[in-house]
């Protein structure tokens, strides 16, 4: 009799624990984070592009209208730095990732870093990723070694590599050499090990976005309505050069870049439709952002023509407003208010903000540069908690944003042989004494230097830089990589 009572008691305890676990999971929202590649401010309809430029983006526009649309969402100058800032909640220079990873260079995401995926994992989330990673191809850097349970249609590095084979074949490079550097599409197995499933060729470039969308939809359908919530990170590849859209989108906008933007919009819609069809739309946070702006469409190759960074000066690779200010939006029906918000938000801020929402603790054994914006995005306070942002190009401080002011120790100028370019192919020069200072609100194209009448702003610059330098005394940055200064 006693044994039976104990058995019944154990069953009751297990049921209570199970119900508590299920309830806890239900209280935590699913999170779908979509990261577009090189999409500028003026490319999306909600930001003044879209149908006005012959490349409508109805699904992304609708997402912006149904959620909170950021009008001052700021990122890093390149793919790897922005992804590092997003995944780590830190300035990428603190992880040695302040420049774009290129195969053969030593910078890679280290095992000791704490990623957003690991944050979710500790809170009982299933974690999955599809698409572009670009935080390193070493085993320690794989998504599945950094908190993700699975990785599908994996673009581990960058899309530029799809051009390698053609160039090398024309130069009569041996096949065994080509095979080593030609990019692959990767997929994880049950043990979390990555295996190449195909070469990432120019031909497959036209199919990869469709496959990323299909894998993302499949993940949602498999994980929807389970006891554990899920975190899905989708790394889109559009609109990164070379822009080769799926066949059904060729000619839609009249140029490859616009076609790619329209396909990106459609693929975004496939993911949103899957959430709705599975009945989990209301309990899912959807974030849609770009990693950085695009190149100057007047001087770049054919695949870039059509890119637009809005009213701001700057392009991929520099620290100007046009490079760093990109589309960004977040939706959570009934929890996040709708409408445009003009507070400053950094890509670094998603790490601590989502940590607060899901009840996770951020690391305390390292500097964390992201700022918790949970109360701001949930409508509990009017103003953003961020007032400044430091930007590095490679390993050098290249710009500081404080409120509406931008300051540059070395001004960005057009290069001699590329008079329209100021980004990755541009030049920085050392001025005689003072920083260049601009007011973004009054002068979004940064054409008028206001240093003489506003030198008082530099007090804030010195304070911001001083606080950063102070943090290096206890937590020095790891060695970085600079292709322009290999001896660094």
Protein backbone atom coordinates (compact mmCIF):
# COMPACT_ATOMS: atom_id res chain seq x y z
CA UNK A 1 0.00 0.00 0.00
CA UNK A 2 2.82 2.34 0.97
CA UNK A 3 4.72 1.49 -2.24
CA UNK A 4 1.62 2.27 -4.33
CA UNK A 5 1.15 5.62 -2.56
CA UNK A 6 4.78 6.52 -3.20
CA UNK A 7 4.38 5.58 -6.85
CA UNK A 8 1.27 7.76 -7.16
CA UNK A 9 3.06 10.61 -5.44
CA UNK A 10 5.98 10.30 -7.84
CA UNK A 11 3.60 10.40 -10.79
CA UNK A 12 1.93 13.53 -9.43
CA UNK A 13 5.31 15.20 -8.94
CA UNK A 14 6.35 14.31 -12.48
CA UNK A 15 3.05 15.65 -13.85
CA UNK A 16 3.45 18.90 -11.93
CA UNK A 17 7.03 19.29 -13.10
CA UNK A 18 5.99 18.50 -16.68
CA UNK A 19 3.14 21.01 -16.56
CA UNK A 20 5.44 23.64 -15.10
CA UNK A 21 7.99 23.00 -17.81
CA UNK A 22 5.35 23.23 -20.53
CA UNK A 23 3.95 26.43 -19.01
CA UNK A 24 7.42 27.94 -18.80
CA UNK A 25 8.04 27.09 -22.45
CA UNK A 26 4.71 28.64 -23.43
CA UNK A 27 5.68 31.86 -21.64
CA UNK A 28 8.81 32.20 -23.74
CA UNK A 29 8.30 33.41 -27.31
CA UNK A 30 9.83 31.77 -30.33
CA UNK A 31 12.33 34.05 -32.06
CA UNK A 32 12.97 34.21 -35.80
CA UNK A 33 15.87 36.49 -36.68
CA UNK A 34 16.33 37.28 -40.38
CA UNK A 35 19.54 38.98 -41.50
CA UNK A 36 19.68 40.35 -45.04
CA UNK A 37 23.04 40.81 -46.75
CA UNK A 38 24.14 44.25 -47.98
CA UNK A 39 20.66 45.78 -48.17
CA UNK A 40 20.70 49.57 -47.93
CA UNK A 41 18.24 52.05 -46.49
CA UNK A 42 16.80 53.05 -49.87
CA UNK A 43 16.21 49.50 -51.10
CA UNK A 44 13.10 48.73 -49.02
CA UNK A 45 9.69 50.27 -49.60
CA UNK A 46 9.09 51.07 -45.94
CA UNK A 47 12.21 53.25 -46.08
CA UNK A 48 11.44 55.07 -49.31
CA UNK A 49 12.53 52.47 -51.88
CA UNK A 50 10.50 49.50 -53.04
CA UNK A 51 7.78 50.27 -55.55
CA UNK A 52 9.05 53.84 -55.92
CA UNK A 53 12.19 52.36 -57.46
CA UNK A 54 10.51 49.64 -59.51
CA UNK A 55 11.33 46.84 -57.06
CA UNK A 56 8.38 46.48 -54.65
CA UNK A 57 8.89 44.83 -51.26
CA UNK A 58 5.30 44.28 -50.01
CA UNK A 59 6.04 41.53 -47.47
CA UNK A 60 8.88 43.36 -45.74
CA UNK A 61 6.84 46.58 -45.81
CA UNK A 62 3.90 44.78 -44.20
CA UNK A 63 6.19 43.36 -41.52
CA UNK A 64 7.44 46.89 -40.79
CA UNK A 65 3.88 48.22 -40.50
CA UNK A 66 2.81 45.39 -38.18
CA UNK A 67 5.78 45.84 -35.86
CA UNK A 68 8.20 48.48 -34.67
CA UNK A 69 10.23 50.03 -37.49
CA UNK A 70 13.58 51.50 -36.47
CA UNK A 71 14.62 54.65 -38.31
CA UNK A 72 18.03 54.81 -36.62
CA UNK A 73 19.19 51.20 -36.71
CA UNK A 74 22.99 51.17 -36.85
CA UNK A 75 25.31 48.29 -37.74
CA UNK A 76 29.01 47.69 -38.52
CA UNK A 77 30.89 48.45 -41.78
CA UNK A 78 31.02 44.86 -43.07
CA UNK A 79 29.54 41.36 -43.00
CA UNK A 80 31.74 39.73 -40.36
CA UNK A 81 31.83 42.69 -37.93
CA UNK A 82 28.03 43.03 -37.98
CA UNK A 83 27.49 39.31 -37.49
CA UNK A 84 29.95 39.31 -34.59
CA UNK A 85 28.22 42.29 -32.99
CA UNK A 86 24.83 40.57 -33.39
CA UNK A 87 25.86 37.18 -32.08
CA UNK A 88 28.05 38.45 -29.21
CA UNK A 89 26.49 41.75 -28.11
CA UNK A 90 29.99 43.24 -28.21
CA UNK A 91 32.02 45.51 -30.42
CA UNK A 92 33.56 43.09 -32.92
CA UNK A 93 37.07 44.37 -32.23
CA UNK A 94 36.82 42.80 -28.76
CA UNK A 95 36.62 39.39 -30.47
CA UNK A 96 39.25 40.10 -33.12
CA UNK A 97 36.50 40.24 -35.77
CA UNK A 98 36.54 43.88 -36.83
CA UNK A 99 37.30 43.09 -40.46
CA UNK A 100 35.69 40.81 -43.04
CA UNK A 101 36.86 37.22 -42.75
CA UNK A 102 38.68 36.00 -45.83
CA UNK A 103 39.83 32.41 -46.20
CA UNK A 104 43.42 31.99 -45.13
CA UNK A 105 43.41 34.79 -42.55
CA UNK A 106 43.57 33.82 -38.86
CA UNK A 107 40.59 35.78 -37.52
CA UNK A 108 37.74 33.46 -36.58
CA UNK A 109 35.06 33.20 -33.89
CA UNK A 110 36.71 31.74 -30.81
CA UNK A 111 35.35 28.90 -28.69
CA UNK A 112 35.43 31.08 -25.55
CA UNK A 113 32.93 33.61 -26.88
CA UNK A 114 29.30 33.41 -25.72
CA UNK A 115 26.88 33.61 -28.63
CA UNK A 116 23.23 34.51 -28.78
CA UNK A 117 22.47 30.89 -29.68
CA UNK A 118 24.15 29.71 -26.47
CA UNK A 119 22.09 32.25 -24.56
CA UNK A 120 18.89 30.74 -25.96
CA UNK A 121 20.13 27.20 -25.48
CA UNK A 122 20.63 27.76 -21.75
CA UNK A 123 17.01 28.90 -21.52
CA UNK A 124 15.67 25.65 -22.95
CA UNK A 125 15.32 26.72 -26.56
CA UNK A 126 15.81 24.59 -29.64
CA UNK A 127 18.23 26.47 -31.88
CA UNK A 128 18.59 26.28 -35.63
CA UNK A 129 20.32 28.21 -38.38
CA UNK A 130 20.06 28.43 -42.15
CA UNK A 131 22.11 30.39 -44.67
CA UNK A 132 25.08 32.70 -44.33
CA UNK A 133 27.34 32.58 -41.24
CA UNK A 134 30.64 34.33 -42.13
CA UNK A 135 32.14 34.10 -38.64
CA UNK A 136 34.79 31.55 -39.49
CA UNK A 137 35.12 28.12 -41.08
CA UNK A 138 37.30 26.56 -38.37
CA UNK A 139 35.58 23.82 -36.38
CA UNK A 140 35.50 25.92 -33.21
CA UNK A 141 33.64 28.61 -35.18
CA UNK A 142 30.94 26.43 -36.73
CA UNK A 143 27.37 27.41 -35.80
CA UNK A 144 26.90 23.94 -34.29
CA UNK A 145 29.90 24.54 -32.02
CA UNK A 146 28.53 27.93 -31.04
CA UNK A 147 25.10 27.01 -29.68
CA UNK A 148 23.05 25.93 -32.70
CA UNK A 149 21.56 22.44 -32.75
CA UNK A 150 21.53 22.27 -36.54
CA UNK A 151 22.71 24.16 -39.60
CA UNK A 152 21.17 23.80 -43.07
CA UNK A 153 22.01 25.27 -46.50
CA UNK A 154 25.14 26.63 -44.86
CA UNK A 155 27.01 29.45 -46.55
CA UNK A 156 29.92 29.39 -44.12
CA UNK A 157 31.82 32.31 -45.66
CA UNK A 158 30.79 34.78 -48.36
CA UNK A 159 29.05 34.81 -51.74
CA UNK A 160 31.94 36.46 -53.60
CA UNK A 161 33.65 33.06 -53.65
CA UNK A 162 31.18 31.79 -56.22
CA UNK A 163 33.30 33.69 -58.76
CA UNK A 164 36.55 31.97 -57.82
CA UNK A 165 36.15 28.92 -60.06
CA UNK A 166 35.56 30.84 -63.29
CA UNK A 167 38.45 33.21 -62.69
CA UNK A 168 40.84 30.41 -61.71
CA UNK A 169 39.84 28.15 -64.60
CA UNK A 170 40.57 30.95 -67.05
CA UNK A 171 44.02 31.21 -65.49
CA UNK A 172 44.59 27.44 -65.93
CA UNK A 173 44.83 26.87 -62.17
CA UNK A 174 44.92 23.12 -61.36
CA UNK A 175 41.62 21.60 -60.27
CA UNK A 176 43.03 20.40 -56.93
CA UNK A 177 43.89 24.01 -56.06
CA UNK A 178 40.47 25.27 -57.15
CA UNK A 179 38.71 22.58 -55.12
CA UNK A 180 40.44 23.74 -51.94
CA UNK A 181 39.31 27.37 -52.17
CA UNK A 182 35.98 27.05 -53.98
CA UNK A 183 33.18 27.69 -51.45
CA UNK A 184 30.83 24.90 -50.40
CA UNK A 185 27.30 24.58 -49.07
CA UNK A 186 27.41 22.90 -45.67
CA UNK A 187 25.01 20.87 -43.57
CA UNK A 188 25.29 19.54 -40.03
CA UNK A 189 24.85 15.90 -39.08
CA UNK A 190 23.40 14.45 -35.87
CA UNK A 191 26.69 15.05 -34.05
CA UNK A 192 26.88 18.69 -35.08
CA UNK A 193 29.71 18.08 -37.53
CA UNK A 194 29.55 19.98 -40.81
CA UNK A 195 29.77 18.20 -44.13
CA UNK A 196 29.94 19.82 -47.57
CA UNK A 197 26.92 18.86 -49.66
CA UNK A 198 27.76 20.74 -52.86
CA UNK A 199 29.97 23.47 -54.26
CA UNK A 200 28.62 27.01 -54.01
CA UNK A 201 28.88 27.88 -57.69
CA UNK A 202 27.61 30.77 -59.78
CA UNK A 203 24.92 28.42 -61.10
CA UNK A 204 23.77 27.46 -57.60
CA UNK A 205 23.76 31.14 -56.62
CA UNK A 206 20.37 31.43 -58.31
CA UNK A 207 18.93 28.62 -56.18
CA UNK A 208 20.44 29.19 -52.75
CA UNK A 209 17.89 31.76 -51.50
CA UNK A 210 15.03 29.43 -52.34
CA UNK A 211 16.75 26.56 -50.52
CA UNK A 212 17.39 28.73 -47.45
CA UNK A 213 13.71 29.66 -47.37
CA UNK A 214 12.62 26.02 -47.74
CA UNK A 215 14.96 24.89 -44.95
CA UNK A 216 13.70 27.69 -42.71
CA UNK A 217 10.06 26.80 -43.35
CA UNK A 218 10.83 23.14 -42.69
CA UNK A 219 12.46 24.04 -39.37
CA UNK A 220 9.43 26.09 -38.31
CA UNK A 221 7.04 23.28 -39.18
CA UNK A 222 9.12 20.73 -37.26
CA UNK A 223 9.49 22.90 -34.16
CA UNK A 224 6.11 24.63 -34.02
CA UNK A 225 3.90 23.81 -31.04
CA UNK A 226 6.53 21.68 -29.31
CA UNK A 227 7.11 21.85 -25.57
CA UNK A 228 10.32 23.81 -26.09
CA UNK A 229 10.37 27.20 -27.83
CA UNK A 230 12.75 27.74 -30.73
CA UNK A 231 15.27 30.30 -31.96
CA UNK A 232 15.83 30.35 -35.73
CA UNK A 233 18.56 32.48 -37.30
CA UNK A 234 18.18 32.96 -41.06
CA UNK A 235 21.16 34.38 -42.94
CA UNK A 236 19.84 35.49 -46.31
CA UNK A 237 22.36 35.96 -49.14
CA UNK A 238 20.59 38.74 -51.07
CA UNK A 239 21.54 41.37 -52.04
CA UNK A 240 25.24 40.46 -51.90
CA UNK A 241 27.24 40.51 -55.09
CA UNK A 242 26.96 38.67 -57.45
CA UNK A 243 23.21 39.11 -57.62
CA UNK A 244 21.80 36.15 -59.53
CA UNK A 245 18.15 35.67 -58.57
CA UNK A 246 15.99 32.61 -59.12
CA UNK A 247 14.67 32.19 -62.65
CA UNK A 248 11.16 33.28 -61.72
CA UNK A 249 12.50 36.67 -60.56
CA UNK A 250 14.79 37.43 -63.49
CA UNK A 251 13.59 40.62 -65.17
CA UNK A 252 11.03 41.50 -62.50
CA UNK A 253 12.72 44.82 -61.75
CA UNK A 254 14.67 45.25 -64.95
CA UNK A 255 18.08 44.83 -63.32
CA UNK A 256 19.70 42.02 -61.26
CA UNK A 257 19.92 44.00 -58.03
CA UNK A 258 16.21 44.85 -58.02
CA UNK A 259 15.35 41.27 -58.98
CA UNK A 260 17.36 40.05 -55.97
CA UNK A 261 15.58 42.47 -53.63
CA UNK A 262 12.21 41.29 -54.89
CA UNK A 263 13.20 37.66 -54.36
CA UNK A 264 14.43 38.48 -50.86
CA UNK A 265 11.02 39.99 -50.13
CA UNK A 266 9.24 36.88 -51.44
CA UNK A 267 11.44 34.51 -49.41
CA UNK A 268 10.79 36.61 -46.30
CA UNK A 269 7.08 36.16 -46.97
CA UNK A 270 7.48 32.37 -47.13
CA UNK A 271 8.89 32.39 -43.60
CA UNK A 272 6.15 34.69 -42.30
CA UNK A 273 3.47 32.53 -43.94
CA UNK A 274 4.86 29.42 -42.24
CA UNK A 275 4.54 31.05 -38.81
CA UNK A 276 0.94 31.96 -39.54
CA UNK A 277 0.04 28.56 -40.97
CA UNK A 278 1.43 26.82 -37.89
CA UNK A 279 -0.60 29.07 -35.61
CA UNK A 280 2.42 30.48 -33.76
CA UNK A 281 2.53 33.99 -35.21
CA UNK A 282 1.30 35.62 -32.00
CA UNK A 283 3.92 33.91 -29.84
CA UNK A 284 6.86 34.58 -32.13
CA UNK A 285 9.20 37.55 -32.18
CA UNK A 286 10.26 38.30 -35.75
CA UNK A 287 13.30 40.48 -36.36
CA UNK A 288 14.29 41.60 -39.87
CA UNK A 289 17.54 43.55 -40.30
CA UNK A 290 20.38 44.13 -42.76
CA UNK A 291 24.03 43.60 -41.87
CA UNK A 292 25.31 46.74 -43.61
CA UNK A 293 24.62 48.96 -46.58
CA UNK A 294 25.67 48.23 -50.14
CA UNK A 295 28.34 49.63 -52.43
CA UNK A 296 28.08 52.70 -54.59
CA UNK A 297 25.89 51.69 -57.51
CA UNK A 298 27.59 54.09 -59.92
CA UNK A 299 31.05 52.57 -59.63
CA UNK A 300 30.48 48.94 -58.71
CA UNK A 301 30.01 46.02 -61.15
CA UNK A 302 26.68 45.17 -62.77
CA UNK A 303 25.36 43.25 -59.78
CA UNK A 304 25.45 46.38 -57.62
CA UNK A 305 23.66 48.76 -59.96
CA UNK A 306 20.38 49.69 -58.32
CA UNK A 307 21.65 49.69 -54.71
CA UNK A 308 20.65 52.75 -52.73
CA UNK A 309 21.65 53.82 -49.23
CA UNK A 310 18.97 56.45 -48.92
CA UNK A 311 19.67 60.10 -48.16
CA UNK A 312 22.92 59.31 -46.37
CA UNK A 313 26.50 59.51 -47.55
CA UNK A 314 28.54 56.34 -47.24
CA UNK A 315 28.72 52.78 -48.48
CA UNK A 316 29.89 49.29 -47.61
CA UNK A 317 33.23 49.40 -45.81
CA UNK A 318 33.34 52.90 -44.37
CA UNK A 319 32.09 54.39 -41.08
CA UNK A 320 29.79 57.01 -42.58
CA UNK A 321 26.08 57.16 -41.83
CA UNK A 322 25.06 55.64 -45.17
CA UNK A 323 27.15 52.55 -44.50
CA UNK A 324 25.84 51.93 -41.00
CA UNK A 325 22.20 53.06 -41.05
CA UNK A 326 20.09 50.29 -42.55
CA UNK A 327 16.57 48.82 -42.39
CA UNK A 328 15.61 47.18 -39.11
CA UNK A 329 12.29 46.09 -37.60
CA UNK A 330 10.86 43.86 -34.87
CA UNK A 331 7.38 42.37 -34.47
CA UNK A 332 5.65 40.59 -31.59
CA UNK A 333 1.85 40.86 -31.89
CA UNK A 334 0.23 42.35 -28.81
CA UNK A 335 3.56 42.84 -27.04
CA UNK A 336 5.59 45.23 -29.18
CA UNK A 337 3.75 48.40 -30.24
CA UNK A 338 3.56 49.25 -33.94
CA UNK A 339 4.93 52.37 -35.60
CA UNK A 340 8.20 54.08 -36.41
CA UNK A 341 10.71 54.75 -33.63
CA UNK A 342 13.57 57.18 -34.10
CA UNK A 343 15.69 56.15 -31.13
CA UNK A 344 19.22 54.97 -31.81
CA UNK A 345 19.50 51.15 -31.85
CA UNK A 346 22.71 49.20 -32.47
CA UNK A 347 22.95 45.68 -33.82
CA UNK A 348 24.85 44.94 -30.58
CA UNK A 349 21.68 45.68 -28.59
CA UNK A 350 19.70 42.61 -29.66
CA UNK A 351 21.84 40.33 -27.47
CA UNK A 352 21.00 41.94 -24.08
CA UNK A 353 17.48 42.92 -25.19
CA UNK A 354 16.49 39.38 -26.11
CA UNK A 355 18.26 38.10 -22.98
CA UNK A 356 15.92 40.22 -20.87
CA UNK A 357 12.84 39.08 -22.78
CA UNK A 358 13.63 35.36 -22.38
CA UNK A 359 14.99 35.70 -18.83
CA UNK A 360 18.64 34.93 -19.61
CA UNK A 361 21.73 36.38 -17.96
CA UNK A 362 24.38 38.02 -20.09
CA UNK A 363 28.07 37.25 -19.41
CA UNK A 364 29.67 39.24 -16.60
CA UNK A 365 33.27 38.20 -17.21
CA UNK A 366 33.84 40.42 -20.26
CA UNK A 367 32.86 43.86 -21.59
CA UNK A 368 29.37 43.87 -23.08
CA UNK A 369 28.74 46.81 -25.39
CA UNK A 370 25.14 46.02 -26.29
CA UNK A 371 22.52 48.00 -24.38
CA UNK A 372 19.32 46.46 -23.05
CA UNK A 373 16.47 48.01 -25.05
CA UNK A 374 13.69 45.71 -23.81
CA UNK A 375 11.64 48.47 -22.18
CA UNK A 376 12.01 50.61 -25.29
CA UNK A 377 10.86 47.97 -27.79
CA UNK A 378 8.08 46.75 -25.47
CA UNK A 379 6.70 50.28 -25.24
CA UNK A 380 7.41 50.74 -21.54
CA UNK A 381 9.55 53.82 -22.15
CA UNK A 382 9.62 56.48 -24.83
CA UNK A 383 13.33 56.91 -25.47
CA UNK A 384 16.13 54.58 -26.49
CA UNK A 385 18.80 53.81 -23.92
CA UNK A 386 21.59 54.39 -26.45
CA UNK A 387 23.20 57.75 -27.13
CA UNK A 388 26.48 56.83 -28.80
CA UNK A 389 28.21 54.23 -30.96
CA UNK A 390 31.91 53.66 -31.68
CA UNK A 391 32.82 52.26 -35.11
CA UNK A 392 36.07 50.60 -36.13
CA UNK A 393 37.44 49.92 -39.59
CA UNK A 394 39.80 47.00 -39.22
CA UNK A 395 41.55 47.71 -35.94
CA UNK A 396 41.37 51.49 -35.99
CA UNK A 397 38.73 53.73 -34.46
CA UNK A 398 37.13 55.29 -37.53
CA UNK A 399 34.09 57.15 -36.25
CA UNK A 400 31.97 58.02 -33.23
CA UNK A 401 28.27 58.79 -33.28
CA UNK A 402 26.91 60.82 -30.33
CA UNK A 403 23.25 61.83 -30.53
CA UNK A 404 22.88 63.56 -33.92
CA UNK A 405 26.61 64.21 -34.35
CA UNK A 406 29.17 62.18 -36.27
CA UNK A 407 32.91 62.59 -35.62
CA UNK A 408 35.83 61.23 -37.66
CA UNK A 409 39.48 61.23 -36.57
CA UNK A 410 40.44 60.62 -40.22
CA UNK A 411 38.02 61.99 -42.83
CA UNK A 412 36.74 59.62 -45.49
CA UNK A 413 37.44 60.86 -49.00
CA UNK A 414 37.05 59.53 -52.51
CA UNK A 415 40.07 57.66 -53.78
CA UNK A 416 42.04 59.06 -56.72
CA UNK A 417 41.02 56.41 -59.22
CA UNK A 418 37.51 55.91 -57.80
CA UNK A 419 36.17 59.44 -57.33
CA UNK A 420 32.72 58.25 -56.33
CA UNK A 421 33.84 55.66 -53.80
CA UNK A 422 34.43 56.23 -50.12
CA UNK A 423 33.76 52.74 -48.79
CA UNK A 424 35.98 49.68 -48.99
CA UNK A 425 37.76 51.14 -52.03
CA UNK A 426 37.98 54.66 -50.64
CA UNK A 427 40.59 56.52 -48.64
CA UNK A 428 41.01 58.07 -45.20
CA UNK A 429 43.31 61.00 -44.61
CA UNK A 430 44.83 62.59 -41.53
CA UNK A 431 43.69 66.16 -41.00
CA UNK A 432 45.93 68.80 -39.44
CA UNK A 433 44.44 68.93 -35.97
CA UNK A 434 40.71 68.60 -35.30
CA UNK A 435 38.18 65.92 -36.09
CA UNK A 436 35.61 66.37 -38.80
CA UNK A 437 32.18 66.89 -37.27
CA UNK A 438 28.76 66.64 -38.93
CA UNK A 439 25.15 67.01 -37.79
CA UNK A 440 23.25 64.06 -39.30
CA UNK A 441 19.81 65.54 -38.70
CA UNK A 442 20.59 68.80 -40.48
CA UNK A 443 23.02 67.35 -43.01
CA UNK A 444 22.35 63.64 -43.69
CA UNK A 445 24.84 63.54 -46.56
CA UNK A 446 27.61 64.88 -44.32
CA UNK A 447 28.60 67.66 -46.68
CA UNK A 448 29.07 70.52 -44.21
CA UNK A 449 31.82 70.35 -41.58
CA UNK A 450 30.63 72.15 -38.44
CA UNK A 451 33.74 71.74 -36.29
CA UNK A 452 34.41 75.47 -35.77
CA UNK A 453 31.07 76.32 -34.17
CA UNK A 454 30.50 73.03 -32.34
CA UNK A 455 33.85 72.01 -30.92
CA UNK A 456 32.14 71.55 -27.55
CA UNK A 457 30.86 68.20 -28.87
CA UNK A 458 34.41 66.83 -28.67
CA UNK A 459 34.11 66.65 -24.87
CA UNK A 460 31.63 63.83 -25.39
CA UNK A 461 33.91 62.22 -27.97
CA UNK A 462 36.82 62.20 -25.51
CA UNK A 463 34.60 60.79 -22.76
CA UNK A 464 33.22 58.01 -24.99
CA UNK A 465 36.65 57.02 -26.29
CA UNK A 466 38.14 57.32 -22.82
CA UNK A 467 35.61 54.90 -21.31
CA UNK A 468 36.35 52.40 -24.07
CA UNK A 469 40.12 52.70 -23.55
CA UNK A 470 39.64 52.28 -19.80
CA UNK A 471 37.90 48.95 -20.40
CA UNK A 472 40.97 47.69 -22.27
CA UNK A 473 43.09 47.87 -19.13
CA UNK A 474 41.32 44.82 -17.70
CA UNK A 475 40.10 43.30 -20.96
CA UNK A 476 42.60 43.96 -23.77
CA UNK A 477 41.48 43.16 -27.29
CA UNK A 478 42.90 40.06 -28.98
CA UNK A 479 45.20 40.59 -31.96
CA UNK A 480 43.20 41.66 -34.97
CA UNK A 481 43.80 41.17 -38.67
CA UNK A 482 44.44 43.96 -41.14
CA UNK A 483 45.08 43.13 -44.78
CA UNK A 484 46.35 46.69 -45.31
CA UNK A 485 48.79 46.32 -42.42
CA UNK A 486 49.86 42.64 -42.21
CA UNK A 487 52.54 43.49 -39.67
CA UNK A 488 49.99 44.62 -37.09
